[in-house]
N, C-alpha and C. Protein backbone atom coordinates (compact mmCIF):
# COMPACT_ATOMS: atom_id res chain seq x y z
N UNK A 1 0.84 -1.16 0.00
CA UNK A 1 0.00 0.00 0.00
C UNK A 1 0.90 1.24 0.00
N UNK A 2 0.50 2.19 -0.84
CA UNK A 2 1.27 3.41 -0.98
C UNK A 2 0.47 4.56 -0.36
N UNK A 3 1.11 5.33 0.47
CA UNK A 3 0.46 6.46 1.13
C UNK A 3 1.02 7.75 0.53
N UNK A 4 0.13 8.56 0.04
CA UNK A 4 0.54 9.85 -0.53
C UNK A 4 -0.02 10.95 0.37
N UNK A 5 0.84 11.82 0.77
CA UNK A 5 0.42 12.93 1.62
C UNK A 5 0.58 14.21 0.83
N UNK A 6 -0.47 15.02 0.79
CA UNK A 6 -0.42 16.31 0.10
C UNK A 6 -0.76 17.41 1.11
N UNK A 7 -0.04 18.48 0.95
CA UNK A 7 -0.35 19.65 1.77
C UNK A 7 -1.05 20.65 0.87
N UNK A 8 -2.19 21.08 1.29
CA UNK A 8 -2.96 22.05 0.52
C UNK A 8 -2.94 23.37 1.27
N UNK A 9 -2.51 24.40 0.55
CA UNK A 9 -2.48 25.72 1.16
C UNK A 9 -3.60 26.56 0.56
N UNK A 10 -4.38 27.15 1.43
CA UNK A 10 -5.45 28.03 0.99
C UNK A 10 -5.24 29.37 1.68
N UNK A 11 -5.24 30.41 0.89
CA UNK A 11 -5.11 31.74 1.46
C UNK A 11 -6.50 32.29 1.70
N UNK A 12 -6.70 32.74 2.90
CA UNK A 12 -7.97 33.33 3.26
C UNK A 12 -7.71 34.78 3.65
N UNK A 13 -8.47 35.69 3.05
CA UNK A 13 -8.34 37.11 3.35
C UNK A 13 -9.45 37.49 4.31
N UNK A 14 -9.08 38.17 5.38
CA UNK A 14 -10.05 38.55 6.41
C UNK A 14 -10.15 40.07 6.42
N UNK A 15 -11.37 40.57 6.25
CA UNK A 15 -11.59 42.02 6.23
C UNK A 15 -11.54 42.57 7.65
N UNK A 16 -11.54 43.90 7.74
CA UNK A 16 -11.47 44.56 9.05
C UNK A 16 -12.62 44.16 9.97
N UNK A 17 -13.77 43.83 9.39
CA UNK A 17 -14.92 43.45 10.23
C UNK A 17 -15.00 41.94 10.47
N UNK A 18 -13.97 41.18 10.05
CA UNK A 18 -13.90 39.76 10.37
C UNK A 18 -14.45 38.82 9.31
N UNK A 19 -14.97 39.32 8.22
CA UNK A 19 -15.51 38.44 7.17
C UNK A 19 -14.36 37.83 6.38
N UNK A 20 -14.55 36.59 5.94
CA UNK A 20 -13.51 35.87 5.22
C UNK A 20 -13.80 35.86 3.72
N UNK A 21 -12.72 35.99 2.94
CA UNK A 21 -12.83 35.99 1.48
C UNK A 21 -11.73 35.11 0.90
N UNK A 22 -12.04 34.50 -0.26
CA UNK A 22 -11.07 33.62 -0.91
C UNK A 22 -10.10 34.38 -1.80
N UNK A 23 -10.45 35.61 -2.17
CA UNK A 23 -9.49 36.38 -2.95
C UNK A 23 -9.40 37.81 -2.44
N UNK A 24 -8.24 38.40 -2.72
CA UNK A 24 -7.91 39.72 -2.20
C UNK A 24 -8.83 40.81 -2.74
N UNK A 25 -9.19 40.72 -4.02
CA UNK A 25 -10.02 41.75 -4.65
C UNK A 25 -11.39 41.87 -3.97
N UNK A 26 -12.02 40.74 -3.68
CA UNK A 26 -13.32 40.77 -3.01
C UNK A 26 -13.22 41.34 -1.60
N UNK A 27 -12.13 41.01 -0.92
CA UNK A 27 -11.92 41.52 0.44
C UNK A 27 -11.75 43.05 0.40
N UNK A 28 -10.91 43.54 -0.51
CA UNK A 28 -10.69 44.98 -0.63
C UNK A 28 -11.96 45.72 -1.03
N UNK A 29 -12.73 45.13 -1.94
CA UNK A 29 -14.00 45.74 -2.36
C UNK A 29 -14.96 45.85 -1.18
N UNK A 30 -15.05 44.78 -0.39
CA UNK A 30 -15.92 44.77 0.78
C UNK A 30 -15.50 45.85 1.78
N UNK A 31 -14.19 45.94 2.05
CA UNK A 31 -13.71 46.95 3.00
C UNK A 31 -13.97 48.36 2.51
N UNK A 32 -13.78 48.59 1.22
CA UNK A 32 -14.03 49.92 0.65
C UNK A 32 -15.50 50.29 0.78
N UNK A 33 -16.37 49.33 0.49
CA UNK A 33 -17.81 49.56 0.60
C UNK A 33 -18.23 49.82 2.04
N UNK A 34 -17.70 49.06 2.97
CA UNK A 34 -18.01 49.24 4.39
C UNK A 34 -17.51 50.60 4.90
N UNK A 35 -16.31 50.98 4.46
CA UNK A 35 -15.74 52.26 4.88
C UNK A 35 -16.59 53.42 4.36
N UNK A 36 -17.05 53.32 3.12
CA UNK A 36 -17.90 54.37 2.55
C UNK A 36 -19.22 54.46 3.31
N UNK A 37 -19.79 53.33 3.70
CA UNK A 37 -21.04 53.33 4.47
C UNK A 37 -20.83 53.95 5.84
N UNK A 38 -19.73 53.62 6.50
CA UNK A 38 -19.43 54.21 7.81
C UNK A 38 -19.28 55.72 7.69
N UNK A 39 -18.57 56.17 6.66
CA UNK A 39 -18.40 57.61 6.43
C UNK A 39 -19.75 58.29 6.25
N UNK A 40 -20.61 57.70 5.44
CA UNK A 40 -21.93 58.26 5.15
C UNK A 40 -22.75 58.39 6.43
N UNK A 41 -22.76 57.33 7.22
CA UNK A 41 -23.55 57.34 8.47
C UNK A 41 -22.99 58.38 9.44
N UNK A 42 -21.66 58.43 9.60
CA UNK A 42 -21.05 59.39 10.52
C UNK A 42 -21.35 60.82 10.08
N UNK A 43 -21.13 61.11 8.80
CA UNK A 43 -21.35 62.46 8.27
C UNK A 43 -22.78 62.91 8.50
N UNK A 44 -23.74 62.06 8.20
CA UNK A 44 -25.15 62.42 8.37
C UNK A 44 -25.52 62.62 9.84
N UNK A 45 -24.97 61.79 10.73
CA UNK A 45 -25.26 61.91 12.15
C UNK A 45 -24.73 63.24 12.70
N UNK A 46 -23.48 63.57 12.38
CA UNK A 46 -22.88 64.81 12.88
C UNK A 46 -23.56 66.03 12.25
N UNK A 47 -23.84 65.96 10.95
CA UNK A 47 -24.49 67.08 10.29
C UNK A 47 -25.89 67.31 10.85
N UNK A 48 -26.59 66.23 11.19
CA UNK A 48 -27.91 66.35 11.80
C UNK A 48 -27.81 67.04 13.16
N UNK A 49 -26.77 66.70 13.93
CA UNK A 49 -26.54 67.35 15.22
C UNK A 49 -26.29 68.85 15.02
N UNK A 50 -25.51 69.20 14.02
CA UNK A 50 -25.25 70.60 13.72
C UNK A 50 -26.52 71.32 13.27
N UNK A 51 -27.32 70.66 12.46
CA UNK A 51 -28.59 71.26 12.02
C UNK A 51 -29.52 71.48 13.21
N UNK A 52 -29.55 70.53 14.16
CA UNK A 52 -30.38 70.69 15.35
C UNK A 52 -29.92 71.89 16.17
N UNK A 53 -28.60 72.07 16.30
CA UNK A 53 -28.07 73.24 16.98
C UNK A 53 -28.49 74.50 16.25
N UNK A 54 -28.34 74.49 14.95
CA UNK A 54 -28.68 75.62 14.09
C UNK A 54 -30.16 76.00 14.26
N UNK A 55 -31.02 74.99 14.30
CA UNK A 55 -32.47 75.23 14.42
C UNK A 55 -32.85 75.81 15.78
N UNK A 56 -32.08 75.51 16.83
CA UNK A 56 -32.42 76.01 18.16
C UNK A 56 -31.88 77.42 18.43
N UNK A 57 -31.04 77.91 17.54
CA UNK A 57 -30.44 79.24 17.72
C UNK A 57 -31.31 80.32 17.10
N UNK A 58 -31.00 81.53 17.50
CA UNK A 58 -31.60 82.70 16.85
C UNK A 58 -30.82 82.91 15.56
N UNK A 59 -31.29 82.28 14.47
CA UNK A 59 -30.52 82.33 13.23
C UNK A 59 -30.93 83.46 12.30
N UNK A 60 -31.69 84.38 12.78
CA UNK A 60 -32.02 85.62 12.09
C UNK A 60 -32.43 85.43 10.63
N UNK A 61 -33.32 84.53 10.42
CA UNK A 61 -33.87 84.36 9.08
C UNK A 61 -33.09 83.43 8.16
N UNK A 62 -31.93 82.95 8.61
CA UNK A 62 -31.19 81.99 7.79
C UNK A 62 -31.89 80.65 7.87
N UNK A 63 -32.06 79.98 6.75
CA UNK A 63 -32.65 78.65 6.82
C UNK A 63 -31.67 77.57 6.43
N UNK A 64 -30.42 77.92 6.13
CA UNK A 64 -29.40 76.92 5.84
C UNK A 64 -28.03 77.51 6.16
N UNK A 65 -27.04 76.68 6.11
CA UNK A 65 -25.68 77.12 6.37
C UNK A 65 -25.22 78.03 5.23
N UNK A 66 -24.22 78.84 5.49
CA UNK A 66 -23.79 79.77 4.45
C UNK A 66 -23.25 79.05 3.23
N UNK A 67 -23.52 79.64 2.09
CA UNK A 67 -22.93 79.11 0.88
C UNK A 67 -21.43 79.32 0.96
N UNK A 68 -20.70 78.61 0.13
CA UNK A 68 -19.26 78.77 0.14
C UNK A 68 -18.88 80.22 -0.09
N UNK A 69 -17.81 80.63 0.53
CA UNK A 69 -17.24 81.97 0.43
C UNK A 69 -18.09 83.02 1.14
N UNK A 70 -19.01 82.63 1.98
CA UNK A 70 -19.80 83.55 2.78
C UNK A 70 -19.64 83.20 4.25
N UNK A 71 -19.72 84.20 5.10
CA UNK A 71 -19.66 83.98 6.54
C UNK A 71 -21.04 84.27 7.13
N UNK A 72 -21.32 83.63 8.27
CA UNK A 72 -22.60 83.84 8.93
C UNK A 72 -22.35 83.80 10.43
N UNK A 73 -22.90 84.76 11.14
CA UNK A 73 -22.76 84.83 12.59
C UNK A 73 -24.09 84.46 13.22
N UNK A 74 -24.08 83.42 14.05
CA UNK A 74 -25.27 82.99 14.77
C UNK A 74 -24.89 82.93 16.24
N UNK A 75 -25.61 83.71 17.05
CA UNK A 75 -25.25 83.88 18.46
C UNK A 75 -23.78 84.33 18.51
N UNK A 76 -22.91 83.55 19.11
CA UNK A 76 -21.50 83.92 19.16
C UNK A 76 -20.65 83.10 18.20
N UNK A 77 -21.28 82.29 17.37
CA UNK A 77 -20.53 81.42 16.47
C UNK A 77 -20.46 82.00 15.06
N UNK A 78 -19.25 82.05 14.54
CA UNK A 78 -19.02 82.47 13.16
C UNK A 78 -18.80 81.23 12.33
N UNK A 79 -19.63 81.06 11.30
CA UNK A 79 -19.53 79.92 10.38
C UNK A 79 -18.97 80.44 9.06
N UNK A 80 -17.92 79.79 8.56
CA UNK A 80 -17.31 80.24 7.31
C UNK A 80 -16.81 79.03 6.52
N UNK A 81 -17.08 79.04 5.23
CA UNK A 81 -16.61 77.96 4.36
C UNK A 81 -16.14 78.57 3.04
N UNK A 82 -14.96 78.14 2.58
CA UNK A 82 -14.39 78.65 1.34
C UNK A 82 -13.99 77.46 0.46
N UNK A 83 -14.69 77.28 -0.65
CA UNK A 83 -14.44 76.13 -1.52
C UNK A 83 -13.09 76.23 -2.23
N UNK A 84 -12.72 77.44 -2.59
CA UNK A 84 -11.45 77.62 -3.30
C UNK A 84 -10.27 77.25 -2.41
N UNK A 85 -10.34 77.66 -1.15
CA UNK A 85 -9.29 77.31 -0.19
C UNK A 85 -9.50 75.94 0.42
N UNK A 86 -10.67 75.35 0.18
CA UNK A 86 -11.04 74.02 0.67
C UNK A 86 -11.03 73.98 2.21
N UNK A 87 -11.57 75.05 2.84
CA UNK A 87 -11.58 75.18 4.29
C UNK A 87 -12.99 75.43 4.82
N UNK A 88 -13.22 74.91 6.00
CA UNK A 88 -14.45 75.17 6.73
C UNK A 88 -14.05 75.51 8.16
N UNK A 89 -14.62 76.58 8.69
CA UNK A 89 -14.22 77.04 10.02
C UNK A 89 -15.44 77.44 10.84
N UNK A 90 -15.43 77.07 12.11
CA UNK A 90 -16.42 77.51 13.08
C UNK A 90 -15.65 78.13 14.23
N UNK A 91 -15.96 79.39 14.56
CA UNK A 91 -15.25 80.11 15.61
C UNK A 91 -16.25 80.72 16.58
N UNK A 92 -16.01 80.52 17.86
CA UNK A 92 -16.78 81.21 18.88
C UNK A 92 -16.06 82.54 19.12
N UNK A 93 -16.68 83.65 18.74
CA UNK A 93 -15.99 84.93 18.81
C UNK A 93 -15.81 85.44 20.24
N UNK A 94 -16.53 84.87 21.20
CA UNK A 94 -16.35 85.28 22.60
C UNK A 94 -15.23 84.49 23.26
N UNK A 95 -15.21 83.18 23.05
CA UNK A 95 -14.23 82.33 23.74
C UNK A 95 -12.99 82.04 22.90
N UNK A 96 -13.09 82.17 21.58
CA UNK A 96 -11.97 81.87 20.70
C UNK A 96 -11.87 80.40 20.33
N UNK A 97 -12.77 79.59 20.85
CA UNK A 97 -12.76 78.16 20.52
C UNK A 97 -13.06 77.98 19.04
N UNK A 98 -12.32 77.08 18.39
CA UNK A 98 -12.51 76.89 16.95
C UNK A 98 -12.63 75.42 16.59
N UNK A 99 -13.19 75.20 15.43
CA UNK A 99 -13.22 73.89 14.79
C UNK A 99 -12.96 74.11 13.32
N UNK A 100 -11.93 73.46 12.79
CA UNK A 100 -11.56 73.67 11.39
C UNK A 100 -11.50 72.35 10.64
N UNK A 101 -11.80 72.44 9.36
CA UNK A 101 -11.65 71.30 8.46
C UNK A 101 -10.96 71.81 7.20
N UNK A 102 -9.89 71.14 6.82
CA UNK A 102 -9.17 71.48 5.59
C UNK A 102 -9.17 70.25 4.71
N UNK A 103 -9.75 70.39 3.53
CA UNK A 103 -9.89 69.27 2.61
C UNK A 103 -8.55 68.95 1.96
N UNK A 104 -8.19 67.69 1.96
CA UNK A 104 -6.98 67.22 1.29
C UNK A 104 -7.09 67.50 -0.20
N UNK A 105 -5.99 67.90 -0.83
CA UNK A 105 -6.04 68.24 -2.26
C UNK A 105 -6.38 67.03 -3.14
N UNK A 106 -6.22 65.83 -2.62
CA UNK A 106 -6.54 64.62 -3.39
C UNK A 106 -8.00 64.19 -3.23
N UNK A 107 -8.71 64.82 -2.29
CA UNK A 107 -10.12 64.48 -2.05
C UNK A 107 -11.04 65.47 -2.74
N UNK A 108 -12.26 65.05 -2.95
CA UNK A 108 -13.28 65.93 -3.53
C UNK A 108 -13.87 66.77 -2.39
N UNK A 109 -13.94 68.09 -2.58
CA UNK A 109 -14.48 68.98 -1.55
C UNK A 109 -15.97 68.74 -1.39
N UNK A 110 -16.39 68.55 -0.14
CA UNK A 110 -17.80 68.35 0.18
C UNK A 110 -18.18 69.31 1.30
N UNK A 111 -19.20 70.13 1.05
CA UNK A 111 -19.65 71.08 2.07
C UNK A 111 -20.09 70.37 3.33
N UNK A 112 -20.88 69.30 3.19
CA UNK A 112 -21.40 68.59 4.37
C UNK A 112 -20.29 67.97 5.19
N UNK A 113 -19.33 67.35 4.53
CA UNK A 113 -18.21 66.73 5.25
C UNK A 113 -17.41 67.80 5.97
N UNK A 114 -17.18 68.92 5.30
CA UNK A 114 -16.46 70.03 5.92
C UNK A 114 -17.15 70.52 7.19
N UNK A 115 -18.46 70.74 7.09
CA UNK A 115 -19.21 71.18 8.28
C UNK A 115 -19.17 70.13 9.37
N UNK A 116 -19.31 68.85 9.00
CA UNK A 116 -19.32 67.77 10.00
C UNK A 116 -17.98 67.68 10.73
N UNK A 117 -16.87 67.78 9.99
CA UNK A 117 -15.56 67.70 10.62
C UNK A 117 -15.30 68.93 11.50
N UNK A 118 -15.61 70.11 10.99
CA UNK A 118 -15.40 71.33 11.77
C UNK A 118 -16.24 71.30 13.06
N UNK A 119 -17.49 70.87 12.97
CA UNK A 119 -18.37 70.81 14.14
C UNK A 119 -17.86 69.79 15.15
N UNK A 120 -17.39 68.65 14.67
CA UNK A 120 -16.84 67.63 15.57
C UNK A 120 -15.63 68.17 16.31
N UNK A 121 -14.74 68.83 15.58
CA UNK A 121 -13.55 69.40 16.22
C UNK A 121 -13.91 70.55 17.16
N UNK A 122 -14.89 71.35 16.78
CA UNK A 122 -15.32 72.46 17.64
C UNK A 122 -15.81 71.92 18.99
N UNK A 123 -16.50 70.80 18.97
CA UNK A 123 -17.03 70.20 20.20
C UNK A 123 -16.00 69.35 20.94
N UNK A 124 -14.79 69.26 20.41
CA UNK A 124 -13.72 68.52 21.09
C UNK A 124 -13.78 67.02 20.92
N UNK A 125 -14.55 66.55 19.94
CA UNK A 125 -14.65 65.12 19.70
C UNK A 125 -13.62 64.68 18.66
N UNK A 126 -13.33 63.39 18.61
CA UNK A 126 -12.36 62.87 17.66
C UNK A 126 -13.02 62.50 16.35
N UNK A 127 -12.26 62.67 15.29
CA UNK A 127 -12.70 62.27 13.96
C UNK A 127 -12.34 60.79 13.79
N UNK A 128 -13.29 59.93 13.40
CA UNK A 128 -12.96 58.51 13.23
C UNK A 128 -11.88 58.33 12.14
N UNK A 129 -11.09 57.27 12.27
CA UNK A 129 -10.00 57.06 11.31
C UNK A 129 -10.49 56.72 9.91
N UNK A 130 -11.73 56.31 9.74
CA UNK A 130 -12.23 55.99 8.40
C UNK A 130 -12.71 57.23 7.65
N UNK A 131 -12.65 58.40 8.26
CA UNK A 131 -13.03 59.64 7.59
C UNK A 131 -11.81 60.14 6.87
């Protein structure tokens, strides 16, 4: 009797959330899709919080955030966004506390993401690493 022993190697790719994939491309696609979903959920949650703050303030007839390249003062907060400079800034003019967002030159400028990042930093919270 002849005994043949074979060793079979299988590469398994494991995504950040623990799912297993047989090839690298599917794993990377899944991670990219999950990261985009996390970004979307985070951005909407923070922006909703900012809108709720905006709605509770004496916003003097403003019904939305300032368009790019315009500043708006609500209570003691100065809101400013400049698309050309790719910056969003929130400053408390009484305390000097600020929250800034500067868009990377390789990323697409998004008003909502800018406001969400600036508001998060203004409140002293951390930006998740998937943003």
